[in-house]
Amino acid sequence: MPTRRERIESMLANEPEDQFLRYGLAIEFENEGLFEESAKVFKSLMNDPRPHVPSFLRGAQLFVRMDEIEEARTALRTGIEIARSRGEMHPAGEMAELLMTLGSMGE
């Protein structure tokens, strides 16, 4: 029986640009402790022609786990701007909350 990640990877073979599948893959990598692989996928989603808003929050949370605080701040600031420009106030608010909790962490 294929793992969840294997099923996602097989679907991605047919739809390599599918943001929902790529986001799922990033989460599976993170769940497996493969933080670098997860971060790569989140970063690619953030840099898509139409950036994937949920990836900014989830990616920033991962960067905090990896002790990459400045990377987390950058992702959050960019994500907040993109979410607000699309009228996605709830995700913008969640990202703003996380950004505030980071405060002077890592400085």
PDB file of N, CA and C in Angstrom:
ATOM      1  N   MET A   1       0.854  -1.192   0.000  1.00  0.00           N
ATOM      2  CA  MET A   1       0.000   0.000   0.000  1.00  0.00           C
ATOM      3  C   MET A   1       0.895   1.249   0.000  1.00  0.00           C
ATOM      4  N   PRO A   2       0.724   2.094  -1.008  1.00  0.00           N
ATOM      5  CA  PRO A   2       1.574   3.295  -1.062  1.00  0.00           C
ATOM      6  C   PRO A   2       1.273   4.252   0.094  1.00  0.00           C
ATOM      7  N   THR A   3       2.314   4.954   0.525  1.00  0.00           N
ATOM      8  CA  THR A   3       2.131   5.950   1.586  1.00  0.00           C
ATOM      9  C   THR A   3       1.391   7.154   1.006  1.00  0.00           C
ATOM     10  N   ARG A   4       0.954   8.000   1.889  1.00  0.00           N
ATOM     11  CA  ARG A   4       0.271   9.221   1.479  1.00  0.00           C
ATOM     12  C   ARG A   4       1.176  10.058   0.574  1.00  0.00           C
ATOM     13  N   ARG A   5       2.442  10.187   0.970  1.00  0.00           N
ATOM     14  CA  ARG A   5       3.382  10.968   0.150  1.00  0.00           C
ATOM     15  C   ARG A   5       3.536  10.338  -1.229  1.00  0.00           C
ATOM     16  N   GLU A   6       3.637   9.008  -1.294  1.00  0.00           N
ATOM     17  CA  GLU A   6       3.787   8.326  -2.582  1.00  0.00           C
ATOM     18  C   GLU A   6       2.563   8.552  -3.477  1.00  0.00           C
ATOM     19  N   ARG A   7       1.385   8.558  -2.873  1.00  0.00           N
ATOM     20  CA  ARG A   7       0.163   8.809  -3.651  1.00  0.00           C
ATOM     21  C   ARG A   7       0.175  10.243  -4.203  1.00  0.00           C
ATOM     22  N   ILE A   8       0.568  11.196  -3.365  1.00  0.00           N
ATOM     23  CA  ILE A   8       0.643  12.595  -3.812  1.00  0.00           C
ATOM     24  C   ILE A   8       1.679  12.734  -4.930  1.00  0.00           C
ATOM     25  N   GLU A   9       2.839  12.108  -4.735  1.00  0.00           N
ATOM     26  CA  GLU A   9       3.901  12.202  -5.755  1.00  0.00           C
ATOM     27  C   GLU A   9       3.442  11.597  -7.077  1.00  0.00           C
ATOM     28  N   SER A  10       2.677  10.526  -7.023  1.00  0.00           N
ATOM     29  CA  SER A  10       2.211   9.913  -8.268  1.00  0.00           C
ATOM     30  C   SER A  10       1.189  10.809  -8.964  1.00  0.00           C
ATOM     31  N   MET A  11       0.343  11.495  -8.204  1.00  0.00           N
ATOM     32  CA  MET A  11      -0.602  12.446  -8.811  1.00  0.00           C
ATOM     33  C   MET A  11       0.146  13.653  -9.383  1.00  0.00           C
ATOM     34  N   LEU A  12       1.200  14.078  -8.682  1.00  0.00           N
ATOM     35  CA  LEU A  12       1.994  15.219  -9.155  1.00  0.00           C
ATOM     36  C   LEU A  12       2.717  14.908 -10.467  1.00  0.00           C
ATOM     37  N   ALA A  13       3.003  13.646 -10.718  1.00  0.00           N
ATOM     38  CA  ALA A  13       3.654  13.265 -11.974  1.00  0.00           C
ATOM     39  C   ALA A  13       2.788  13.691 -13.160  1.00  0.00           C
ATOM     40  N   ASN A  14       1.456  13.632 -12.975  1.00  0.00           N
ATOM     41  CA  ASN A  14       0.523  14.026 -14.034  1.00  0.00           C
ATOM     42  C   ASN A  14       0.166  15.507 -13.985  1.00  0.00           C
ATOM     43  N   GLU A  15       0.246  16.105 -12.807  1.00  0.00           N
ATOM     44  CA  GLU A  15      -0.129  17.512 -12.631  1.00  0.00           C
ATOM     45  C   GLU A  15       0.934  18.236 -11.809  1.00  0.00           C
ATOM     46  N   PRO A  16       2.134  18.422 -12.372  1.00  0.00           N
ATOM     47  CA  PRO A  16       3.260  18.956 -11.594  1.00  0.00           C
ATOM     48  C   PRO A  16       3.057  20.372 -11.061  1.00  0.00           C
ATOM     49  N   GLU A  17       2.132  21.130 -11.637  1.00  0.00           N
ATOM     50  CA  GLU A  17       1.922  22.506 -11.186  1.00  0.00           C
ATOM     51  C   GLU A  17       0.771  22.636 -10.189  1.00  0.00           C
ATOM     52  N   ASP A  18       0.097  21.545  -9.876  1.00  0.00           N
ATOM     53  CA  ASP A  18      -1.073  21.601  -8.991  1.00  0.00           C
ATOM     54  C   ASP A  18      -0.652  22.071  -7.595  1.00  0.00           C
ATOM     55  N   GLN A  19      -1.117  23.256  -7.209  1.00  0.00           N
ATOM     56  CA  GLN A  19      -0.693  23.835  -5.932  1.00  0.00           C
ATOM     57  C   GLN A  19      -1.204  23.031  -4.740  1.00  0.00           C
ATOM     58  N   PHE A  20      -2.416  22.536  -4.809  1.00  0.00           N
ATOM     59  CA  PHE A  20      -2.970  21.770  -3.699  1.00  0.00           C
ATOM     60  C   PHE A  20      -2.136  20.512  -3.450  1.00  0.00           C
ATOM     61  N   LEU A  21      -1.758  19.816  -4.510  1.00  0.00           N
ATOM     62  CA  LEU A  21      -0.930  18.613  -4.373  1.00  0.00           C
ATOM     63  C   LEU A  21       0.465  18.956  -3.860  1.00  0.00           C
ATOM     64  N   ARG A  22       1.045  20.024  -4.376  1.00  0.00           N
ATOM     65  CA  ARG A  22       2.380  20.427  -3.924  1.00  0.00           C
ATOM     66  C   ARG A  22       2.363  20.825  -2.453  1.00  0.00           C
ATOM     67  N   TYR A  23       1.311  21.525  -2.038  1.00  0.00           N
ATOM     68  CA  TYR A  23       1.153  21.912  -0.629  1.00  0.00           C
ATOM     69  C   TYR A  23       1.048  20.655   0.239  1.00  0.00           C
ATOM     70  N   GLY A  24       0.258  19.696  -0.220  1.00  0.00           N
ATOM     71  CA  GLY A  24       0.134  18.419   0.501  1.00  0.00           C
ATOM     72  C   GLY A  24       1.473  17.701   0.603  1.00  0.00           C
ATOM     73  N   LEU A  25       2.253  17.750  -0.470  1.00  0.00           N
ATOM     74  CA  LEU A  25       3.574  17.116  -0.458  1.00  0.00           C
ATOM     75  C   LEU A  25       4.482  17.798   0.564  1.00  0.00           C
ATOM     76  N   ALA A  26       4.454  19.118   0.610  1.00  0.00           N
ATOM     77  CA  ALA A  26       5.277  19.853   1.586  1.00  0.00           C
ATOM     78  C   ALA A  26       4.909  19.444   3.009  1.00  0.00           C
ATOM     79  N   ILE A  27       3.617  19.311   3.273  1.00  0.00           N
ATOM     80  CA  ILE A  27       3.164  18.914   4.604  1.00  0.00           C
ATOM     81  C   ILE A  27       3.606  17.480   4.922  1.00  0.00           C
ATOM     82  N   GLU A  28       3.508  16.596   3.947  1.00  0.00           N
ATOM     83  CA  GLU A  28       3.959  15.210   4.173  1.00  0.00           C
ATOM     84  C   GLU A  28       5.459  15.166   4.463  1.00  0.00           C
ATOM     85  N   PHE A  29       6.247  15.925   3.698  1.00  0.00           N
ATOM     86  CA  PHE A  29       7.689  15.986   3.975  1.00  0.00           C
ATOM     87  C   PHE A  29       7.924  16.459   5.410  1.00  0.00           C
ATOM     88  N   GLU A  30       7.213  17.510   5.810  1.00  0.00           N
ATOM     89  CA  GLU A  30       7.387  18.036   7.166  1.00  0.00           C
ATOM     90  C   GLU A  30       7.004  16.979   8.206  1.00  0.00           C
ATOM     91  N   ASN A  31       5.889  16.298   7.979  1.00  0.00           N
ATOM     92  CA  ASN A  31       5.443  15.255   8.914  1.00  0.00           C
ATOM     93  C   ASN A  31       6.468  14.135   9.046  1.00  0.00           C
ATOM     94  N   GLU A  32       7.218  13.903   7.970  1.00  0.00           N
ATOM     95  CA  GLU A  32       8.249  12.854   7.980  1.00  0.00           C
ATOM     96  C   GLU A  32       9.585  13.376   8.517  1.00  0.00           C
ATOM     97  N   GLY A  33       9.633  14.647   8.914  1.00  0.00           N
ATOM     98  CA  GLY A  33      10.870  15.217   9.434  1.00  0.00           C
ATOM     99  C   GLY A  33      11.842  15.642   8.350  1.00  0.00           C
ATOM    100  N   LEU A  34      11.377  15.672   7.101  1.00  0.00           N
ATOM    101  CA  LEU A  34      12.231  16.073   5.979  1.00  0.00           C
ATOM    102  C   LEU A  34      12.046  17.575   5.747  1.00  0.00           C
ATOM    103  N   PHE A  35      12.574  18.355   6.696  1.00  0.00           N
ATOM    104  CA  PHE A  35      12.322  19.792   6.725  1.00  0.00           C
ATOM    105  C   PHE A  35      12.897  20.525   5.519  1.00  0.00           C
ATOM    106  N   GLU A  36      14.085  20.178   5.086  1.00  0.00           N
ATOM    107  CA  GLU A  36      14.690  20.869   3.931  1.00  0.00           C
ATOM    108  C   GLU A  36      13.839  20.658   2.678  1.00  0.00           C
ATOM    109  N   GLU A  37      13.382  19.420   2.458  1.00  0.00           N
ATOM    110  CA  GLU A  37      12.553  19.117   1.291  1.00  0.00           C
ATOM    111  C   GLU A  37      11.234  19.882   1.376  1.00  0.00           C
ATOM    112  N   SER A  38      10.656  19.903   2.574  1.00  0.00           N
ATOM    113  CA  SER A  38       9.410  20.616   2.793  1.00  0.00           C
ATOM    114  C   SER A  38       9.595  22.108   2.502  1.00  0.00           C
ATOM    115  N   ALA A  39      10.659  22.685   3.024  1.00  0.00           N
ATOM    116  CA  ALA A  39      10.934  24.116   2.819  1.00  0.00           C
ATOM    117  C   ALA A  39      11.071  24.444   1.335  1.00  0.00           C
ATOM    118  N   LYS A  40      11.725  23.564   0.578  1.00  0.00           N
ATOM    119  CA  LYS A  40      11.891  23.791  -0.868  1.00  0.00           C
ATOM    120  C   LYS A  40      10.533  23.883  -1.562  1.00  0.00           C
ATOM    121  N   VAL A  41       9.627  22.963  -1.194  1.00  0.00           N
ATOM    122  CA  VAL A  41       8.310  22.956  -1.835  1.00  0.00           C
ATOM    123  C   VAL A  41       7.518  24.202  -1.432  1.00  0.00           C
ATOM    124  N   PHE A  42       7.543  24.555  -0.135  1.00  0.00           N
ATOM    125  CA  PHE A  42       6.844  25.769   0.296  1.00  0.00           C
ATOM    126  C   PHE A  42       7.393  26.987  -0.436  1.00  0.00           C
ATOM    127  N   LYS A  43       8.708  27.091  -0.556  1.00  0.00           N
ATOM    128  CA  LYS A  43       9.315  28.241  -1.250  1.00  0.00           C
ATOM    129  C   LYS A  43       8.888  28.280  -2.713  1.00  0.00           C
ATOM    130  N   SER A  44       8.813  27.114  -3.357  1.00  0.00           N
ATOM    131  CA  SER A  44       8.395  27.103  -4.764  1.00  0.00           C
ATOM    132  C   SER A  44       6.947  27.576  -4.889  1.00  0.00           C
ATOM    133  N   LEU A  45       6.095  27.197  -3.924  1.00  0.00           N
ATOM    134  CA  LEU A  45       4.700  27.649  -3.937  1.00  0.00           C
ATOM    135  C   LEU A  45       4.603  29.159  -3.704  1.00  0.00           C
ATOM    136  N   MET A  46       5.479  29.694  -2.861  1.00  0.00           N
ATOM    137  CA  MET A  46       5.495  31.130  -2.594  1.00  0.00           C
ATOM    138  C   MET A  46       5.950  31.909  -3.826  1.00  0.00           C
ATOM    139  N   ASN A  47       6.746  31.271  -4.667  1.00  0.00           N
ATOM    140  CA  ASN A  47       7.307  31.940  -5.844  1.00  0.00           C
ATOM    141  C   ASN A  47       6.571  31.626  -7.139  1.00  0.00           C
ATOM    142  N   ASP A  48       5.425  30.939  -7.039  1.00  0.00           N
ATOM    143  CA  ASP A  48       4.619  30.667  -8.230  1.00  0.00           C
ATOM    144  C   ASP A  48       4.166  31.975  -8.863  1.00  0.00           C
ATOM    145  N   PRO A  49       3.820  31.946 -10.159  1.00  0.00           N
ATOM    146  CA  PRO A  49       3.283  33.151 -10.795  1.00  0.00           C
ATOM    147  C   PRO A  49       2.091  33.730 -10.008  1.00  0.00           C
ATOM    148  N   ARG A  50       1.246  32.867  -9.482  1.00  0.00           N
ATOM    149  CA  ARG A  50       0.194  33.297  -8.542  1.00  0.00           C
ATOM    150  C   ARG A  50       0.526  32.615  -7.222  1.00  0.00           C
ATOM    151  N   PRO A  51       1.239  33.317  -6.335  1.00  0.00           N
ATOM    152  CA  PRO A  51       1.699  32.700  -5.087  1.00  0.00           C
ATOM    153  C   PRO A  51       0.561  32.066  -4.278  1.00  0.00           C
ATOM    154  N   HIS A  52       0.874  30.940  -3.652  1.00  0.00           N
ATOM    155  CA  HIS A  52      -0.082  30.156  -2.867  1.00  0.00           C
ATOM    156  C   HIS A  52      -0.077  30.687  -1.433  1.00  0.00           C
ATOM    157  N   VAL A  53      -1.120  31.441  -1.073  1.00  0.00           N
ATOM    158  CA  VAL A  53      -1.167  32.147   0.213  1.00  0.00           C
ATOM    159  C   VAL A  53      -0.960  31.216   1.429  1.00  0.00           C
ATOM    160  N   PRO A  54      -1.648  30.065   1.533  1.00  0.00           N
ATOM    161  CA  PRO A  54      -1.453  29.235   2.734  1.00  0.00           C
ATOM    162  C   PRO A  54       0.000  28.787   2.944  1.00  0.00           C
ATOM    163  N   SER A  55       0.765  28.722   1.875  1.00  0.00           N
ATOM    164  CA  SER A  55       2.161  28.291   1.988  1.00  0.00           C
ATOM    165  C   SER A  55       3.023  29.288   2.747  1.00  0.00           C
ATOM    166  N   PHE A  56       2.629  30.555   2.747  1.00  0.00           N
ATOM    167  CA  PHE A  56       3.411  31.551   3.473  1.00  0.00           C
ATOM    168  C   PHE A  56       3.322  31.309   4.982  1.00  0.00           C
ATOM    169  N   LEU A  57       2.117  31.034   5.475  1.00  0.00           N
ATOM    170  CA  LEU A  57       1.953  30.766   6.906  1.00  0.00           C
ATOM    171  C   LEU A  57       2.587  29.440   7.280  1.00  0.00           C
ATOM    172  N   ARG A  58       2.241  28.397   6.548  1.00  0.00           N
ATOM    173  CA  ARG A  58       2.749  27.062   6.894  1.00  0.00           C
ATOM    174  C   ARG A  58       4.266  27.012   6.713  1.00  0.00           C
ATOM    175  N   GLY A  59       4.763  27.653   5.663  1.00  0.00           N
ATOM    176  CA  GLY A  59       6.208  27.717   5.443  1.00  0.00           C
ATOM    177  C   GLY A  59       6.906  28.474   6.553  1.00  0.00           C
ATOM    178  N   ALA A  60       6.318  29.596   6.975  1.00  0.00           N
ATOM    179  CA  ALA A  60       6.908  30.391   8.062  1.00  0.00           C
ATOM    180  C   ALA A  60       6.953  29.577   9.354  1.00  0.00           C
ATOM    181  N   GLN A  61       5.895  28.825   9.623  1.00  0.00           N
ATOM    182  CA  GLN A  61       5.889  27.976  10.822  1.00  0.00           C
ATOM    183  C   GLN A  61       7.020  26.951  10.754  1.00  0.00           C
ATOM    184  N   LEU A  62       7.244  26.402   9.571  1.00  0.00           N
ATOM    185  CA  LEU A  62       8.344  25.453   9.382  1.00  0.00           C
ATOM    186  C   LEU A  62       9.687  26.155   9.586  1.00  0.00           C
ATOM    187  N   PHE A  63       9.843  27.358   9.031  1.00  0.00           N
ATOM    188  CA  PHE A  63      11.112  28.082   9.190  1.00  0.00           C
ATOM    189  C   PHE A  63      11.400  28.332  10.664  1.00  0.00           C
ATOM    190  N   VAL A  64      10.356  28.630  11.457  1.00  0.00           N
ATOM    191  CA  VAL A  64      10.545  28.825  12.894  1.00  0.00           C
ATOM    192  C   VAL A  64      11.046  27.523  13.524  1.00  0.00           C
ATOM    193  N   ARG A  65      10.444  26.401  13.148  1.00  0.00           N
ATOM    194  CA  ARG A  65      10.897  25.096  13.666  1.00  0.00           C
ATOM    195  C   ARG A  65      12.365  24.841  13.328  1.00  0.00           C
ATOM    196  N   MET A  66      12.767  25.340  12.146  1.00  0.00           N
ATOM    197  CA  MET A  66      14.145  25.142  11.682  1.00  0.00           C
ATOM    198  C   MET A  66      15.079  26.221  12.234  1.00  0.00           C
ATOM    199  N   ASP A  67      14.556  27.112  13.072  1.00  0.00           N
ATOM    200  CA  ASP A  67      15.301  28.221  13.646  1.00  0.00           C
ATOM    201  C   ASP A  67      15.796  29.199  12.576  1.00  0.00           C
ATOM    202  N   GLU A  68      14.992  29.336  11.528  1.00  0.00           N
ATOM    203  CA  GLU A  68      15.272  30.289  10.440  1.00  0.00           C
ATOM    204  C   GLU A  68      14.303  31.464  10.620  1.00  0.00           C
ATOM    205  N   ILE A  69      14.508  32.228  11.691  1.00  0.00           N
ATOM    206  CA  ILE A  69      13.553  33.255  12.093  1.00  0.00           C
ATOM    207  C   ILE A  69      13.429  34.368  11.055  1.00  0.00           C
ATOM    208  N   GLU A  70      14.549  34.819  10.516  1.00  0.00           N
ATOM    209  CA  GLU A  70      14.492  35.908   9.529  1.00  0.00           C
ATOM    210  C   GLU A  70      13.771  35.447   8.266  1.00  0.00           C
ATOM    211  N   GLU A  71      14.003  34.200   7.876  1.00  0.00           N
ATOM    212  CA  GLU A  71      13.309  33.618   6.716  1.00  0.00           C
ATOM    213  C   GLU A  71      11.799  33.592   6.978  1.00  0.00           C
ATOM    214  N   ALA A  72      11.424  33.249   8.214  1.00  0.00           N
ATOM    215  CA  ALA A  72      10.003  33.220   8.599  1.00  0.00           C
ATOM    216  C   ALA A  72       9.410  34.619   8.504  1.00  0.00           C
ATOM    217  N   ARG A  73      10.113  35.610   9.032  1.00  0.00           N
ATOM    218  CA  ARG A  73       9.613  36.996   8.985  1.00  0.00           C
ATOM    219  C   ARG A  73       9.406  37.453   7.545  1.00  0.00           C
ATOM    220  N   THR A  74      10.369  37.172   6.697  1.00  0.00           N
ATOM    221  CA  THR A  74      10.286  37.576   5.291  1.00  0.00           C
ATOM    222  C   THR A  74       9.075  36.929   4.624  1.00  0.00           C
ATOM    223  N   ALA A  75       8.896  35.636   4.846  1.00  0.00           N
ATOM    224  CA  ALA A  75       7.750  34.923   4.257  1.00  0.00           C
ATOM    225  C   ALA A  75       6.441  35.526   4.755  1.00  0.00           C
ATOM    226  N   LEU A  76       6.378  35.819   6.047  1.00  0.00           N
ATOM    227  CA  LEU A  76       5.141  36.369   6.613  1.00  0.00           C
ATOM    228  C   LEU A  76       4.835  37.751   6.056  1.00  0.00           C
ATOM    229  N   ARG A  77       5.841  38.602   5.982  1.00  0.00           N
ATOM    230  CA  ARG A  77       5.605  39.961   5.457  1.00  0.00           C
ATOM    231  C   ARG A  77       5.098  39.908   4.012  1.00  0.00           C
ATOM    232  N   THR A  78       5.743  39.071   3.209  1.00  0.00           N
ATOM    233  CA  THR A  78       5.328  38.933   1.808  1.00  0.00           C
ATOM    234  C   THR A  78       3.933  38.324   1.731  1.00  0.00           C
ATOM    235  N   GLY A  79       3.694  37.279   2.520  1.00  0.00           N
ATOM    236  CA  GLY A  79       2.394  36.609   2.517  1.00  0.00           C
ATOM    237  C   GLY A  79       1.265  37.525   2.935  1.00  0.00           C
ATOM    238  N   ILE A  80       1.509  38.360   3.942  1.00  0.00           N
ATOM    239  CA  ILE A  80       0.489  39.308   4.410  1.00  0.00           C
ATOM    240  C   ILE A  80       0.127  40.271   3.281  1.00  0.00           C
ATOM    241  N   GLU A  81       1.146  40.793   2.614  1.00  0.00           N
ATOM    242  CA  GLU A  81       0.925  41.738   1.514  1.00  0.00           C
ATOM    243  C   GLU A  81       0.104  41.100   0.396  1.00  0.00           C
ATOM    244  N   ILE A  82       0.467  39.883   0.008  1.00  0.00           N
ATOM    245  CA  ILE A  82      -0.250  39.193  -1.074  1.00  0.00           C
ATOM    246  C   ILE A  82      -1.682  38.876  -0.649  1.00  0.00           C
ATOM    247  N   ALA A  83      -1.848  38.352   0.566  1.00  0.00           N
ATOM    248  CA  ALA A  83      -3.194  38.013   1.046  1.00  0.00           C
ATOM    249  C   ALA A  83      -4.077  39.255   1.082  1.00  0.00           C
ATOM    250  N   ARG A  84      -3.562  40.358   1.606  1.00  0.00           N
ATOM    251  CA  ARG A  84      -4.350  41.599   1.679  1.00  0.00           C
ATOM    252  C   ARG A  84      -4.719  42.089   0.285  1.00  0.00           C
ATOM    253  N   SER A  85      -3.780  41.996  -0.658  1.00  0.00           N
ATOM    254  CA  SER A  85      -4.051  42.481  -2.021  1.00  0.00           C
ATOM    255  C   SER A  85      -5.160  41.669  -2.684  1.00  0.00           C
ATOM    256  N   ARG A  86      -5.383  40.457  -2.211  1.00  0.00           N
ATOM    257  CA  ARG A  86      -6.445  39.599  -2.761  1.00  0.00           C
ATOM    258  C   ARG A  86      -7.710  39.634  -1.900  1.00  0.00           C
ATOM    259  N   GLY A  87      -7.684  40.437  -0.847  1.00  0.00           N
ATOM    260  CA  GLY A  87      -8.837  40.504   0.039  1.00  0.00           C
ATOM    261  C   GLY A  87      -8.976  39.296   0.948  1.00  0.00           C
ATOM    262  N   GLU A  88      -7.896  38.539   1.110  1.00  0.00           N
ATOM    263  CA  GLU A  88      -7.912  37.343   1.971  1.00  0.00           C
ATOM    264  C   GLU A  88      -7.476  37.761   3.379  1.00  0.00           C
ATOM    265  N   MET A  89      -8.420  38.377   4.104  1.00  0.00           N
ATOM    266  CA  MET A  89      -8.077  38.982   5.391  1.00  0.00           C
ATOM    267  C   MET A  89      -7.812  37.957   6.501  1.00  0.00           C
ATOM    268  N   HIS A  90      -8.501  36.833   6.472  1.00  0.00           N
ATOM    269  CA  HIS A  90      -8.281  35.847   7.531  1.00  0.00           C
ATOM    270  C   HIS A  90      -6.836  35.317   7.518  1.00  0.00           C
ATOM    271  N   PRO A  91      -6.343  34.818   6.362  1.00  0.00           N
ATOM    272  CA  PRO A  91      -4.941  34.371   6.359  1.00  0.00           C
ATOM    273  C   PRO A  91      -3.962  35.504   6.660  1.00  0.00           C
ATOM    274  N   ALA A  92      -4.277  36.720   6.197  1.00  0.00           N
ATOM    275  CA  ALA A  92      -3.404  37.870   6.485  1.00  0.00           C
ATOM    276  C   ALA A  92      -3.323  38.079   7.993  1.00  0.00           C
ATOM    277  N   GLY A  93      -4.466  37.970   8.677  1.00  0.00           N
ATOM    278  CA  GLY A  93      -4.511  38.129  10.131  1.00  0.00           C
ATOM    279  C   GLY A  93      -3.729  37.050  10.855  1.00  0.00           C
ATOM    280  N   GLU A  94      -3.859  35.805  10.398  1.00  0.00           N
ATOM    281  CA  GLU A  94      -3.106  34.700  11.020  1.00  0.00           C
ATOM    282  C   GLU A  94      -1.604  34.925  10.874  1.00  0.00           C
ATOM    283  N   MET A  95      -1.199  35.374   9.697  1.00  0.00           N
ATOM    284  CA  MET A  95       0.229  35.622   9.470  1.00  0.00           C
ATOM    285  C   MET A  95       0.715  36.792  10.318  1.00  0.00           C
ATOM    286  N   ALA A  96      -0.104  37.839  10.444  1.00  0.00           N
ATOM    287  CA  ALA A  96       0.264  38.998  11.261  1.00  0.00           C
ATOM    288  C   ALA A  96       0.441  38.580  12.725  1.00  0.00           C
ATOM    289  N   GLU A  97      -0.448  37.692  13.201  1.00  0.00           N
ATOM    290  CA  GLU A  97      -0.331  37.203  14.582  1.00  0.00           C
ATOM    291  C   GLU A  97       0.985  36.466  14.791  1.00  0.00           C
ATOM    292  N   LEU A  98       1.327  35.575  13.865  1.00  0.00           N
ATOM    293  CA  LEU A  98       2.583  34.835  13.995  1.00  0.00           C
ATOM    294  C   LEU A  98       3.762  35.792  13.944  1.00  0.00           C
ATOM    295  N   LEU A  99       3.710  36.765  13.038  1.00  0.00           N
ATOM    296  CA  LEU A  99       4.795  37.737  12.918  1.00  0.00           C
ATOM    297  C   LEU A  99       4.989  38.479  14.241  1.00  0.00           C
ATOM    298  N   MET A 100       3.893  38.859  14.889  1.00  0.00           N
ATOM    299  CA  MET A 100       4.004  39.554  16.185  1.00  0.00           C
ATOM    300  C   MET A 100       4.626  38.644  17.246  1.00  0.00           C
ATOM    301  N   THR A 101       4.271  37.360  17.243  1.00  0.00           N
ATOM    302  CA  THR A 101       4.812  36.460  18.269  1.00  0.00           C
ATOM    303  C   THR A 101       6.307  36.251  18.088  1.00  0.00           C
ATOM    304  N   LEU A 102       6.802  36.451  16.864  1.00  0.00           N
ATOM    305  CA  LEU A 102       8.242  36.284  16.640  1.00  0.00           C
ATOM    306  C   LEU A 102       9.030  37.407  17.307  1.00  0.00           C
ATOM    307  N   GLY A 103       8.390  38.591  17.417  1.00  0.00           N
ATOM    308  CA  GLY A 103       9.005  39.713  18.110  1.00  0.00           C
ATOM    309  C   GLY A 103      10.480  39.844  17.830  1.00  0.00           C
ATOM    310  N   SER A 104      11.275  39.806  18.900  1.00  0.00           N
ATOM    311  CA  SER A 104      12.733  39.963  18.740  1.00  0.00           C
ATOM    312  C   SER A 104      13.428  38.597  18.732  1.00  0.00           C
ATOM    313  N   MET A 105      12.642  37.535  18.576  1.00  0.00           N
ATOM    314  CA  MET A 105      13.204  36.187  18.536  1.00  0.00           C
ATOM    315  C   MET A 105      14.287  36.069  17.463  1.00  0.00           C
ATOM    316  N   GLY A 106      15.352  35.411  17.783  1.00  0.00           N
ATOM    317  CA  GLY A 106      16.411  35.157  16.802  1.00  0.00           C
ATOM    318  C   GLY A 106      17.309  36.344  16.518  1.00  0.00           C
ATOM    319  N   GLU A 107      17.128  37.438  17.263  1.00  0.00           N
ATOM    320  CA  GLU A 107      17.979  38.613  17.002  1.00  0.00           C
ATOM    321  C   GLU A 107      19.096  38.682  18.032  1.00  0.00           C
TER     322      GLU A 107
END
